[in-house]
Amino acid sequence: MGQGHSSHDSAGVFIELDEYSVYPGSVLRGRIHVNVTNQVTQLKSLSLKLTGYEETSWRTVHVRRQRKDRNNNDNFGTNREHGLYQDNFNQDHPQGRDRDFGGDEASKFKNISDEYEEIEEIKHHDGRHDFFKLTRPVSNGGAFLSCGQYSFPFEVYLPDDLPGSCTVGRHPKFDPHLRHNEKYFHAMCKYKIKAFLEIVKNPEDRSWFSSREKTVKCSQEFQIINRCPPARACLKQMSTEIKICGCCCSKGTCDVCVQMGQDAFRIGDQIQVLAKFDNSNTTAELNELRLTLHRVIQLRSTNTNEQYNERKMICQDVKPGCPAGITKEEMFYMTLPGQTTERGNYNYDNGADSNVVPTCQGGLVQVYYELEVRGSVTCANDPVVSLPVFIYSTPPVYMRPQIADWKPQVFQVTVVSDIPCQMGFVNVPTQQTMQPVGGIGYGTMNQPAMVPQQTTGMVPQQSYNYPNLYHQQASLGNNNPELQPLIPSNSADFAGR
């Protein structure tokens, strides 16, 4: 992750974050840096905008056949009887067009073959939902800033039920090889922070089309990472009556018992599943035993109010089968494929090409996983046991760069703690075995950050997630006082910030 920045002739602004990957319920800390290049610049306003949203998009293509519209209707090829005539004509004349037809017969055959055409029906489905979208002033302005460097710290207390960042699928904007009539789907959950610096125009600027104020803005993305949920052991048993070809010819009942030590896994971890197949009461042979990980994607659109579903096999482990009349135990091993070589990490900037993305439970975007243990039976229904699992990733290690010759004046901390989060969950009707593990928001509400009281002049309480990080008194209201540095610019405590 880089630093969002933008510049103007009079001043430049950029955003720097302490961490670009945070957990739900934690505190997002950073600074808005302003670099004034003119001798004197009047600051009108400086504001901070926070946005969290989810977007869905997919395209459906249906091909159908229809009769061509003919202007010169010659009483041939206009009713349903001519379709039967074409079939009989091809049977009576197997050589088709190669035969030497005479007069009207050849003309009739040509009209019948060109009577139908294929029509593509393309439909676009899109959806967007904002978790939160708000703007908070960092400074009311009115102050004159001389040529120099200025830093405005901020702290954002995030809600504890935000879905994790996710990008899955393909989109024409990012994939130039995608054809105009090709099916696709794309979904993402993103979080952004923007800074808007509004300055008064230089009086010496007398250009005709220049406005009185100039706005300099910059944008920076950050990721929300789902916390690792508490480890839970899983045990599930199913009894299946095996019937040949689905009819009443029963081959007996097969019992399958599946046991796992946990139901939450990190990208790159190894999954171990112990399965017991009790085939002693059947006369059917289990040809092979399989453990399969499926990725389930469910999207919702807001323009058409329709739903997109995809169930894709990610990886599989196959073991030898089980003969009829015996009981067999198998230990399955499976490693979750990752996009990068570093274990547990996930590239949120380029996750569309990855098969394994973190579990995401939003309102329009739902991505979760299912483990399936199956015994394959020829010409009969298979005994199957399904278990939902939670996939998460670890935050990447961020090395904060040191900015050379940067010794800004530091102003009061702006605290944003009243973020109204509108989840708007969509109740997607699915089978009981396909429900997300732990329900919506599972793994996002562990150890939320402590939000300070809304009292001006108080020092916020220390969060046990981020101890000893409050170095100065913070104004917790929406509006900060006049632009006055709290500490001198040469302070050793803030020299590197």
Protein backbone atom coordinates (compact mmCIF):
# COMPACT_ATOMS: atom_id res chain seq x y z
CA MET A 1 0.00 0.00 0.00
CA GLY A 2 1.28 3.42 -0.90
CA GLN A 3 0.50 6.92 0.28
CA GLY A 4 -2.37 8.84 -1.29
CA HIS A 5 -1.20 12.28 -2.38
CA SER A 6 -2.24 15.24 -4.51
CA SER A 7 -0.72 18.66 -5.13
CA HIS A 8 -1.48 22.15 -6.39
CA ASP A 9 0.52 25.25 -7.22
CA SER A 10 -0.01 26.62 -3.70
CA ALA A 11 -0.16 23.49 -1.54
CA GLY A 12 -0.06 19.72 -1.60
CA VAL A 13 -1.82 17.16 0.58
CA PHE A 14 -1.31 13.46 1.21
CA ILE A 15 -2.54 10.84 3.67
CA GLU A 16 -0.31 8.56 5.70
CA LEU A 17 -1.68 5.68 7.79
CA ASP A 18 0.01 3.84 10.63
CA GLU A 19 -1.44 0.56 9.36
CA TYR A 20 -3.15 -0.10 6.05
CA SER A 21 -4.74 -3.36 7.24
CA VAL A 22 -6.89 -3.18 10.37
CA TYR A 23 -9.47 -5.31 12.16
CA PRO A 24 -13.16 -4.46 12.64
CA GLY A 25 -13.67 -2.55 15.86
CA SER A 26 -10.09 -1.26 15.96
CA VAL A 27 -8.74 2.27 15.59
CA LEU A 28 -7.48 3.59 12.25
CA ARG A 29 -4.75 6.11 12.93
CA GLY A 30 -3.04 8.37 10.45
CA ARG A 31 -2.13 11.90 9.48
CA ILE A 32 -3.07 14.39 6.81
CA HIS A 33 0.11 16.10 5.69
CA VAL A 34 -0.08 19.54 4.08
CA ASN A 35 2.88 21.07 2.30
CA VAL A 36 2.52 24.81 1.57
CA THR A 37 4.77 26.04 -1.22
CA ASN A 38 3.65 29.69 -1.46
CA GLN A 39 4.71 32.35 1.00
CA VAL A 40 1.22 32.75 2.49
CA THR A 41 -1.82 30.55 1.80
CA GLN A 42 -5.23 31.04 3.35
CA LEU A 43 -6.79 27.75 4.42
CA LYS A 44 -10.56 27.75 3.96
CA SER A 45 -11.31 24.20 5.14
CA LEU A 46 -9.75 20.78 5.65
CA SER A 47 -12.08 17.79 5.87
CA LEU A 48 -11.87 14.01 6.11
CA LYS A 49 -14.23 11.67 4.26
CA LEU A 50 -14.70 7.99 5.14
CA THR A 51 -16.39 5.51 2.82
CA GLY A 52 -17.06 1.80 3.10
CA TYR A 53 -19.08 0.11 0.39
CA GLU A 54 -19.71 -3.09 -1.55
CA GLU A 55 -20.35 -3.46 -5.27
CA THR A 56 -21.62 -6.31 -7.42
CA SER A 57 -21.75 -6.69 -11.18
CA TRP A 58 -22.42 -9.57 -13.52
CA ARG A 59 -23.63 -10.19 -17.05
CA THR A 60 -26.01 -12.87 -18.28
CA VAL A 61 -26.17 -13.96 -21.93
CA HIS A 62 -29.04 -16.06 -23.28
CA VAL A 63 -29.18 -17.30 -26.88
CA ARG A 64 -32.55 -18.09 -28.45
CA ARG A 65 -33.78 -18.88 -31.96
CA GLN A 66 -36.55 -16.98 -33.69
CA ARG A 67 -38.00 -16.65 -37.15
CA LYS A 68 -36.61 -13.97 -39.35
CA ASP A 69 -38.89 -11.12 -40.34
CA ARG A 70 -39.55 -11.20 -44.09
CA ASN A 71 -40.85 -8.25 -46.05
CA ASN A 72 -41.89 -10.29 -49.09
CA ASN A 73 -44.06 -13.00 -47.58
CA ASP A 74 -44.68 -15.54 -50.36
CA ASN A 75 -46.97 -17.86 -48.38
CA PHE A 76 -44.00 -20.12 -47.75
CA GLY A 77 -42.05 -20.41 -44.52
CA THR A 78 -44.71 -18.47 -42.63
CA ASN A 79 -46.53 -21.22 -40.77
CA ARG A 80 -45.60 -24.18 -38.61
CA GLU A 81 -46.24 -26.73 -41.36
CA HIS A 82 -43.11 -25.71 -43.24
CA GLY A 83 -40.93 -26.88 -40.34
CA LEU A 84 -42.29 -30.38 -40.88
CA TYR A 85 -41.75 -29.93 -44.59
CA GLN A 86 -38.08 -29.14 -44.00
CA ASP A 87 -37.56 -32.32 -41.94
CA ASN A 88 -39.29 -34.49 -44.53
CA PHE A 89 -37.44 -32.75 -47.32
CA ASN A 90 -34.04 -33.48 -45.77
CA GLN A 91 -34.96 -37.13 -45.24
CA ASP A 92 -36.17 -37.56 -48.81
CA HIS A 93 -33.15 -35.71 -50.23
CA PRO A 94 -30.09 -36.75 -48.17
CA GLN A 95 -27.71 -34.92 -50.51
CA GLY A 96 -29.28 -31.58 -49.56
CA ARG A 97 -28.07 -28.63 -51.59
CA ASP A 98 -25.76 -30.73 -53.74
CA ARG A 99 -28.67 -32.17 -55.69
CA ASP A 100 -29.93 -30.47 -58.82
CA PHE A 101 -33.34 -29.21 -57.84
CA GLY A 102 -35.50 -27.55 -60.37
CA GLY A 103 -37.42 -24.32 -60.27
CA ASP A 104 -39.64 -23.73 -57.26
CA GLU A 105 -38.30 -26.66 -55.20
CA ALA A 106 -34.79 -25.16 -54.90
CA SER A 107 -36.18 -21.77 -53.96
CA LYS A 108 -38.34 -23.30 -51.24
CA PHE A 109 -35.37 -25.17 -49.71
CA LYS A 110 -33.29 -21.99 -49.56
CA ASN A 111 -36.03 -20.08 -47.79
CA ILE A 112 -36.49 -22.84 -45.19
CA SER A 113 -32.77 -23.04 -44.29
CA ASP A 114 -32.56 -19.28 -43.72
CA GLU A 115 -35.82 -19.03 -41.86
CA TYR A 116 -34.38 -18.94 -38.28
CA GLU A 117 -31.72 -16.77 -36.66
CA GLU A 118 -29.99 -16.74 -33.27
CA ILE A 119 -30.57 -13.77 -30.98
CA GLU A 120 -28.35 -12.94 -27.98
CA GLU A 121 -30.10 -11.42 -25.00
CA ILE A 122 -27.51 -9.61 -22.83
CA LYS A 123 -28.50 -8.30 -19.42
CA HIS A 124 -26.36 -6.37 -16.95
CA HIS A 125 -26.87 -6.64 -13.20
CA ASP A 126 -25.30 -4.11 -10.82
CA GLY A 127 -25.54 -3.36 -7.13
CA ARG A 128 -24.00 -1.00 -4.61
CA HIS A 129 -24.49 -0.59 -0.89
CA ASP A 130 -22.69 1.83 1.44
CA PHE A 131 -21.81 0.57 4.91
CA PHE A 132 -20.94 4.12 5.93
CA LYS A 133 -20.27 7.41 4.19
CA LEU A 134 -19.53 10.53 6.21
CA THR A 135 -17.42 13.68 6.18
CA ARG A 136 -15.86 15.26 9.25
CA PRO A 137 -14.11 18.65 9.38
CA VAL A 138 -10.52 18.64 10.53
CA SER A 139 -10.27 22.44 10.51
CA ASN A 140 -12.81 25.20 9.92
CA GLY A 141 -10.15 27.25 8.20
CA GLY A 142 -9.66 30.98 8.20
CA ALA A 143 -6.02 30.69 9.18
CA PHE A 144 -3.08 31.83 7.08
CA LEU A 145 -0.40 29.19 6.60
CA SER A 146 3.08 30.27 5.70
CA CYS A 147 5.43 28.24 3.55
CA GLY A 148 6.15 25.03 5.44
CA GLN A 149 4.93 21.59 6.48
CA TYR A 150 1.88 20.78 8.59
CA SER A 151 0.47 17.55 9.97
CA PHE A 152 -3.10 16.88 11.16
CA PRO A 153 -3.43 13.57 13.06
CA PHE A 154 -6.73 11.69 13.15
CA GLU A 155 -8.17 8.62 14.84
CA VAL A 156 -11.13 6.71 13.43
CA TYR A 157 -12.96 4.20 15.63
CA LEU A 158 -14.31 1.60 13.23
CA PRO A 159 -17.54 -0.36 13.84
CA ASP A 160 -17.07 -3.90 15.04
CA ASP A 161 -19.37 -5.61 12.52
CA LEU A 162 -17.78 -4.58 9.23
CA PRO A 163 -17.29 -7.33 6.62
CA GLY A 164 -13.75 -7.95 5.46
CA SER A 165 -12.26 -6.49 2.31
CA CYS A 166 -12.69 -8.75 -0.68
CA THR A 167 -12.33 -8.75 -4.46
CA VAL A 168 -13.50 -11.68 -6.54
CA GLY A 169 -14.32 -12.27 -10.21
CA ARG A 170 -13.55 -10.42 -13.43
CA HIS A 171 -14.68 -7.01 -14.63
CA PRO A 172 -14.42 -5.33 -18.07
CA LYS A 173 -12.77 -2.28 -16.50
CA PHE A 174 -9.87 -4.39 -15.23
CA ASP A 175 -9.81 -7.19 -17.85
CA PRO A 176 -9.33 -5.94 -21.43
CA HIS A 177 -9.59 -9.49 -22.80
CA LEU A 178 -13.23 -9.80 -21.69
CA ARG A 179 -15.53 -9.75 -24.72
CA HIS A 180 -18.69 -7.65 -24.90
CA ASN A 181 -20.95 -10.73 -25.03
CA GLU A 182 -19.07 -12.89 -22.52
CA LYS A 183 -20.49 -13.85 -19.15
CA TYR A 184 -18.69 -12.51 -16.10
CA PHE A 185 -19.17 -11.62 -12.45
CA HIS A 186 -17.33 -9.24 -10.17
CA ALA A 187 -17.76 -8.27 -6.53
CA MET A 188 -15.78 -6.28 -4.00
CA CYS A 189 -15.91 -4.76 -0.52
CA LYS A 190 -13.73 -1.65 -0.25
CA TYR A 191 -12.87 1.02 2.28
CA LYS A 192 -11.45 4.45 1.49
CA ILE A 193 -10.37 7.56 3.31
CA LYS A 194 -10.14 10.93 1.53
CA ALA A 195 -8.81 14.35 2.45
CA PHE A 196 -10.16 17.61 0.96
CA LEU A 197 -8.05 20.74 1.28
CA GLU A 198 -9.84 23.93 0.23
CA ILE A 199 -7.63 27.00 -0.11
CA VAL A 200 -8.40 30.58 -1.12
CA LYS A 201 -7.11 31.59 -4.51
CA ASN A 202 -3.94 33.61 -4.70
CA PRO A 203 -4.90 37.28 -5.35
CA GLU A 204 -2.17 37.50 -7.96
CA ASP A 205 -3.92 34.80 -10.01
CA ARG A 206 -5.99 36.93 -12.42
CA SER A 207 -6.89 34.23 -14.94
CA TRP A 208 -10.42 34.56 -16.31
CA PHE A 209 -11.62 31.02 -15.64
CA SER A 210 -10.01 30.53 -12.22
CA SER A 211 -12.42 30.17 -9.31
CA ARG A 212 -12.17 31.92 -5.98
CA GLU A 213 -11.30 28.70 -4.13
CA LYS A 214 -9.12 25.77 -5.07
CA THR A 215 -9.74 22.23 -3.82
CA VAL A 216 -6.92 19.73 -3.48
CA LYS A 217 -7.96 16.18 -2.62
CA CYS A 218 -6.33 12.80 -2.21
CA SER A 219 -7.62 9.28 -1.62
CA GLN A 220 -6.19 6.26 0.19
CA GLU A 221 -7.58 2.75 0.49
CA PHE A 222 -7.28 0.57 3.57
CA GLN A 223 -8.25 -3.05 4.21
CA ILE A 224 -10.54 -4.59 6.81
CA ILE A 225 -9.33 -8.06 7.81
CA ASN A 226 -11.58 -10.55 9.56
CA ARG A 227 -10.33 -11.68 12.93
CA CYS A 228 -9.61 -15.33 13.47
CA PRO A 229 -12.75 -16.72 15.13
CA PRO A 230 -12.52 -19.02 18.15
CA ALA A 231 -11.53 -22.56 17.22
CA ARG A 232 -14.45 -24.96 17.36
CA ALA A 233 -14.32 -28.72 16.93
CA CYS A 234 -16.80 -30.20 14.46
CA LEU A 235 -18.49 -33.60 14.50
CA LYS A 236 -21.24 -34.54 12.07
CA GLN A 237 -22.82 -37.86 11.14
CA MET A 238 -25.22 -38.65 8.30
CA SER A 239 -27.06 -41.83 7.28
CA THR A 240 -27.84 -42.31 3.59
CA GLU A 241 -29.97 -45.01 2.02
CA ILE A 242 -28.31 -46.03 -1.24
CA LYS A 243 -30.79 -46.58 -4.07
CA ILE A 244 -29.87 -47.75 -7.55
CA CYS A 245 -30.76 -45.09 -10.17
CA GLY A 246 -32.89 -43.32 -7.58
CA CYS A 247 -35.62 -45.97 -7.68
CA CYS A 248 -36.97 -48.19 -4.93
CA CYS A 249 -34.19 -50.79 -5.32
CA SER A 250 -32.33 -50.23 -2.04
CA LYS A 251 -28.77 -51.39 -1.42
CA GLY A 252 -28.81 -50.64 2.30
CA THR A 253 -27.81 -47.71 4.52
CA CYS A 254 -24.32 -46.18 4.71
CA ASP A 255 -23.31 -44.13 7.77
CA VAL A 256 -20.65 -41.42 7.38
CA CYS A 257 -19.11 -39.67 10.40
CA VAL A 258 -16.82 -36.64 9.89
CA GLN A 259 -14.63 -35.07 12.58
CA MET A 260 -12.47 -31.90 12.45
CA GLY A 261 -10.41 -30.24 15.14
CA GLN A 262 -11.37 -26.72 13.97
CA ASP A 263 -13.64 -24.97 11.49
CA ALA A 264 -11.53 -21.85 10.80
CA PHE A 265 -8.41 -21.95 8.62
CA ARG A 266 -5.88 -19.43 7.41
CA ILE A 267 -4.89 -19.22 3.75
CA GLY A 268 -2.03 -21.68 3.28
CA ASP A 269 -2.96 -23.87 6.27
CA GLN A 270 -3.42 -27.62 6.07
CA ILE A 271 -6.88 -29.07 6.65
CA GLN A 272 -7.14 -32.43 8.39
CA VAL A 273 -10.43 -34.33 8.34
CA LEU A 274 -11.09 -37.75 9.84
CA ALA A 275 -13.94 -39.61 8.11
CA LYS A 276 -15.44 -42.96 9.03
CA PHE A 277 -17.48 -44.84 6.41
CA ASP A 278 -19.69 -47.57 7.89
CA ASN A 279 -20.56 -49.62 4.82
CA SER A 280 -21.29 -52.84 6.72
CA ASN A 281 -25.06 -52.66 6.16
CA THR A 282 -24.98 -52.20 2.38
CA THR A 283 -24.29 -54.29 -0.69
CA ALA A 284 -23.00 -51.30 -2.67
CA GLU A 285 -19.30 -50.61 -3.10
CA LEU A 286 -17.90 -47.13 -2.58
CA ASN A 287 -15.61 -46.68 -5.57
CA GLU A 288 -13.61 -43.77 -4.10
CA LEU A 289 -13.68 -41.47 -1.08
CA ARG A 290 -13.31 -37.73 -1.69
CA LEU A 291 -12.79 -34.60 0.38
CA THR A 292 -13.63 -31.45 -1.60
CA LEU A 293 -13.45 -27.76 -0.72
CA HIS A 294 -16.10 -25.65 -2.48
CA ARG A 295 -16.23 -21.88 -2.71
CA VAL A 296 -19.77 -20.48 -2.65
CA ILE A 297 -20.45 -16.99 -4.02
CA GLN A 298 -23.84 -15.32 -3.70
CA LEU A 299 -24.35 -11.82 -5.12
CA ARG A 300 -27.37 -9.54 -5.15
CA SER A 301 -28.12 -6.70 -7.58
CA THR A 302 -29.99 -3.51 -6.78
CA ASN A 303 -31.05 -2.55 -10.30
CA THR A 304 -32.72 -5.87 -11.17
CA ASN A 305 -33.13 -7.35 -7.65
CA GLU A 306 -31.80 -10.67 -8.88
CA GLN A 307 -29.29 -13.09 -7.40
CA TYR A 308 -26.14 -14.68 -8.78
CA ASN A 309 -24.89 -18.01 -7.42
CA GLU A 310 -21.67 -19.88 -8.09
CA ARG A 311 -20.29 -23.00 -6.47
CA LYS A 312 -16.73 -23.81 -7.50
CA MET A 313 -14.41 -26.63 -6.51
CA ILE A 314 -11.14 -25.27 -5.10
CA CYS A 315 -9.16 -28.40 -4.22
CA GLN A 316 -9.76 -32.09 -3.63
CA ASP A 317 -8.21 -35.13 -1.93
CA VAL A 318 -9.14 -38.59 -3.25
CA LYS A 319 -8.68 -41.86 -1.34
CA PRO A 320 -9.33 -45.51 -2.33
CA GLY A 321 -12.89 -46.76 -1.99
CA CYS A 322 -14.59 -48.95 0.56
CA PRO A 323 -15.93 -52.44 -0.33
CA ALA A 324 -19.42 -53.48 0.66
CA GLY A 325 -19.93 -54.97 4.09
CA ILE A 326 -16.96 -53.37 5.91
CA THR A 327 -16.13 -50.18 7.83
CA LYS A 328 -13.23 -47.93 6.86
CA GLU A 329 -11.58 -44.86 8.38
CA GLU A 330 -9.64 -42.34 6.30
CA MET A 331 -7.60 -39.28 7.23
CA PHE A 332 -7.79 -36.57 4.56
CA TYR A 333 -5.12 -33.90 4.16
CA MET A 334 -5.60 -30.76 2.09
CA THR A 335 -3.58 -27.53 1.85
CA LEU A 336 -5.42 -24.31 1.12
CA PRO A 337 -3.90 -22.72 -1.99
CA GLY A 338 -2.76 -19.13 -1.57
CA GLN A 339 -2.17 -16.35 -4.05
CA THR A 340 1.26 -15.48 -2.70
CA THR A 341 4.13 -17.57 -1.47
CA GLU A 342 3.97 -15.92 1.95
CA ARG A 343 1.76 -18.07 4.11
CA GLY A 344 -1.48 -16.59 5.32
CA ASN A 345 -1.30 -13.37 3.29
CA TYR A 346 -3.77 -12.28 0.65
CA ASN A 347 -3.26 -9.58 -1.97
CA TYR A 348 -6.34 -7.38 -1.61
CA ASP A 349 -5.29 -5.17 -4.53
CA ASN A 350 -5.28 -8.06 -7.02
CA GLY A 351 -7.53 -10.70 -5.52
CA ALA A 352 -9.75 -11.19 -8.54
CA ASP A 353 -7.48 -13.90 -9.98
CA SER A 354 -7.28 -15.89 -6.76
CA ASN A 355 -9.47 -18.91 -6.12
CA VAL A 356 -9.21 -18.64 -2.34
CA VAL A 357 -10.29 -15.27 -0.93
CA PRO A 358 -11.14 -14.57 2.71
CA THR A 359 -14.68 -15.23 3.84
CA CYS A 360 -16.83 -12.13 3.30
CA GLN A 361 -20.33 -11.70 4.70
CA GLY A 362 -21.76 -8.43 3.44
CA GLY A 363 -25.21 -7.37 2.39
CA LEU A 364 -24.79 -7.84 -1.37
CA VAL A 365 -21.57 -9.89 -1.37
CA GLN A 366 -21.34 -13.23 0.39
CA VAL A 367 -18.34 -15.53 -0.04
CA TYR A 368 -17.99 -18.62 2.11
CA TYR A 369 -16.67 -22.17 1.91
CA GLU A 370 -17.92 -25.69 2.39
CA LEU A 371 -16.06 -28.95 3.00
CA GLU A 372 -17.72 -32.01 1.49
CA VAL A 373 -16.94 -35.65 2.28
CA ARG A 374 -18.40 -38.00 -0.32
CA GLY A 375 -18.36 -41.69 -1.14
CA SER A 376 -18.83 -42.36 -4.85
CA VAL A 377 -21.31 -45.11 -5.84
CA THR A 378 -21.92 -46.22 -9.43
CA CYS A 379 -25.44 -45.51 -10.74
CA ALA A 380 -26.74 -44.54 -7.28
CA ASN A 381 -26.93 -41.63 -4.88
CA ASP A 382 -23.74 -40.90 -2.94
CA PRO A 383 -23.47 -40.64 0.85
CA VAL A 384 -22.43 -37.02 1.52
CA VAL A 385 -21.56 -34.98 4.62
CA SER A 386 -21.03 -31.20 4.30
CA LEU A 387 -19.43 -28.82 6.81
CA PRO A 388 -19.09 -25.01 6.48
CA VAL A 389 -15.64 -23.56 7.21
CA PHE A 390 -14.28 -20.05 7.74
CA ILE A 391 -11.27 -18.83 5.71
CA TYR A 392 -9.25 -15.84 6.92
CA SER A 393 -5.92 -14.17 6.20
CA THR A 394 -3.24 -12.46 8.25
CA PRO A 395 -2.43 -8.77 7.75
CA PRO A 396 0.69 -8.14 5.68
CA VAL A 397 3.72 -6.68 7.37
CA TYR A 398 3.92 -2.96 6.65
CA MET A 399 7.22 -1.15 6.95
CA ARG A 400 6.54 2.50 7.55
CA PRO A 401 8.81 4.61 5.33
CA GLN A 402 10.76 7.52 6.72
CA ILE A 403 10.11 10.79 4.92
CA ALA A 404 13.31 12.73 4.43
CA ASP A 405 13.43 16.38 5.58
CA TRP A 406 9.90 16.23 6.93
CA LYS A 407 9.48 18.12 10.21
CA PRO A 408 5.92 19.39 10.23
CA GLN A 409 3.98 21.34 12.80
CA VAL A 410 1.54 18.94 14.46
CA PHE A 411 -2.00 20.01 15.31
CA GLN A 412 -4.69 18.55 17.51
CA VAL A 413 -5.98 15.03 16.94
CA THR A 414 -9.33 14.71 15.20
CA VAL A 415 -11.31 11.78 16.60
CA VAL A 416 -14.15 10.17 14.64
CA SER A 417 -16.12 7.70 16.73
CA ASP A 418 -19.73 8.13 15.59
CA ILE A 419 -19.67 6.14 12.36
CA PRO A 420 -23.22 5.02 11.52
CA CYS A 421 -22.86 1.55 10.03
CA GLN A 422 -25.73 0.29 7.88
CA MET A 423 -25.09 -3.32 7.05
CA GLY A 424 -28.35 -4.07 5.23
CA PHE A 425 -27.82 -7.83 5.22
CA VAL A 426 -29.58 -9.77 2.50
CA ASN A 427 -31.26 -12.96 3.64
CA VAL A 428 -30.20 -15.41 0.96
CA PRO A 429 -32.26 -18.63 0.96
CA THR A 430 -29.81 -21.51 1.00
CA GLN A 431 -29.65 -25.03 2.30
CA GLN A 432 -28.85 -25.51 5.95
CA THR A 433 -25.50 -27.10 5.11
CA MET A 434 -24.50 -24.05 3.06
CA GLN A 435 -25.04 -21.41 5.74
CA PRO A 436 -21.92 -19.38 6.60
CA VAL A 437 -20.14 -20.77 9.63
CA GLY A 438 -21.11 -18.89 12.76
CA GLY A 439 -23.62 -16.73 10.88
CA ILE A 440 -23.17 -13.30 9.36
CA GLY A 441 -20.37 -11.31 10.94
CA TYR A 442 -18.66 -14.40 12.35
CA GLY A 443 -15.08 -13.58 13.24
CA THR A 444 -15.54 -9.79 13.20
CA MET A 445 -16.62 -8.94 16.75
CA ASN A 446 -13.69 -10.13 18.87
CA GLN A 447 -12.03 -7.50 21.07
CA PRO A 448 -13.63 -4.29 19.77
CA ALA A 449 -11.75 -1.09 20.47
CA MET A 450 -12.89 1.03 23.40
CA VAL A 451 -14.51 4.26 22.19
CA PRO A 452 -13.83 7.28 24.43
CA GLN A 453 -16.61 9.35 25.96
CA GLN A 454 -17.87 12.28 23.87
CA THR A 455 -16.68 14.96 26.29
CA THR A 456 -14.59 17.86 25.08
CA GLY A 457 -11.24 18.20 26.75
CA MET A 458 -10.97 14.65 28.08
CA VAL A 459 -8.12 12.34 27.24
CA PRO A 460 -9.55 9.17 25.65
CA GLN A 461 -9.18 5.95 27.57
CA GLN A 462 -6.42 3.65 26.43
CA SER A 463 -7.61 0.81 24.26
CA TYR A 464 -6.20 -2.57 25.21
CA ASN A 465 -5.59 -3.22 21.52
CA TYR A 466 -3.37 -0.17 21.19
CA PRO A 467 -1.88 0.74 24.61
CA ASN A 468 0.23 3.83 25.29
CA LEU A 469 -0.51 5.51 21.98
CA TYR A 470 -2.07 8.71 23.31
CA HIS A 471 0.67 11.34 23.62
CA GLN A 472 -1.46 14.45 23.74
CA GLN A 473 -4.83 15.78 24.69
CA ALA A 474 -7.47 15.26 21.98
CA SER A 475 -10.52 17.31 21.16
CA LEU A 476 -13.29 14.78 20.64
CA GLY A 477 -15.83 17.10 19.12
CA ASN A 478 -16.51 17.34 15.40
CA ASN A 479 -14.97 20.82 15.17
CA ASN A 480 -11.44 21.55 16.32
CA PRO A 481 -10.40 24.98 17.68
CA GLU A 482 -8.17 27.41 15.87
CA LEU A 483 -5.15 26.05 14.07
CA GLN A 484 -2.53 26.22 16.79
CA PRO A 485 0.24 23.63 17.10
CA LEU A 486 0.14 21.69 20.36
CA ILE A 487 3.88 21.09 20.36
CA PRO A 488 6.83 22.74 18.66
CA SER A 489 7.85 21.33 15.30
CA ASN A 490 11.27 20.22 16.59
CA SER A 491 9.83 17.90 19.23
CA ALA A 492 11.66 14.59 19.34
CA ASP A 493 8.43 12.69 19.99
CA PHE A 494 6.86 13.79 16.72
CA ALA A 495 9.94 14.19 14.57
CA GLY A 496 9.32 10.96 12.72
CA ARG A 497 5.56 11.25 12.35
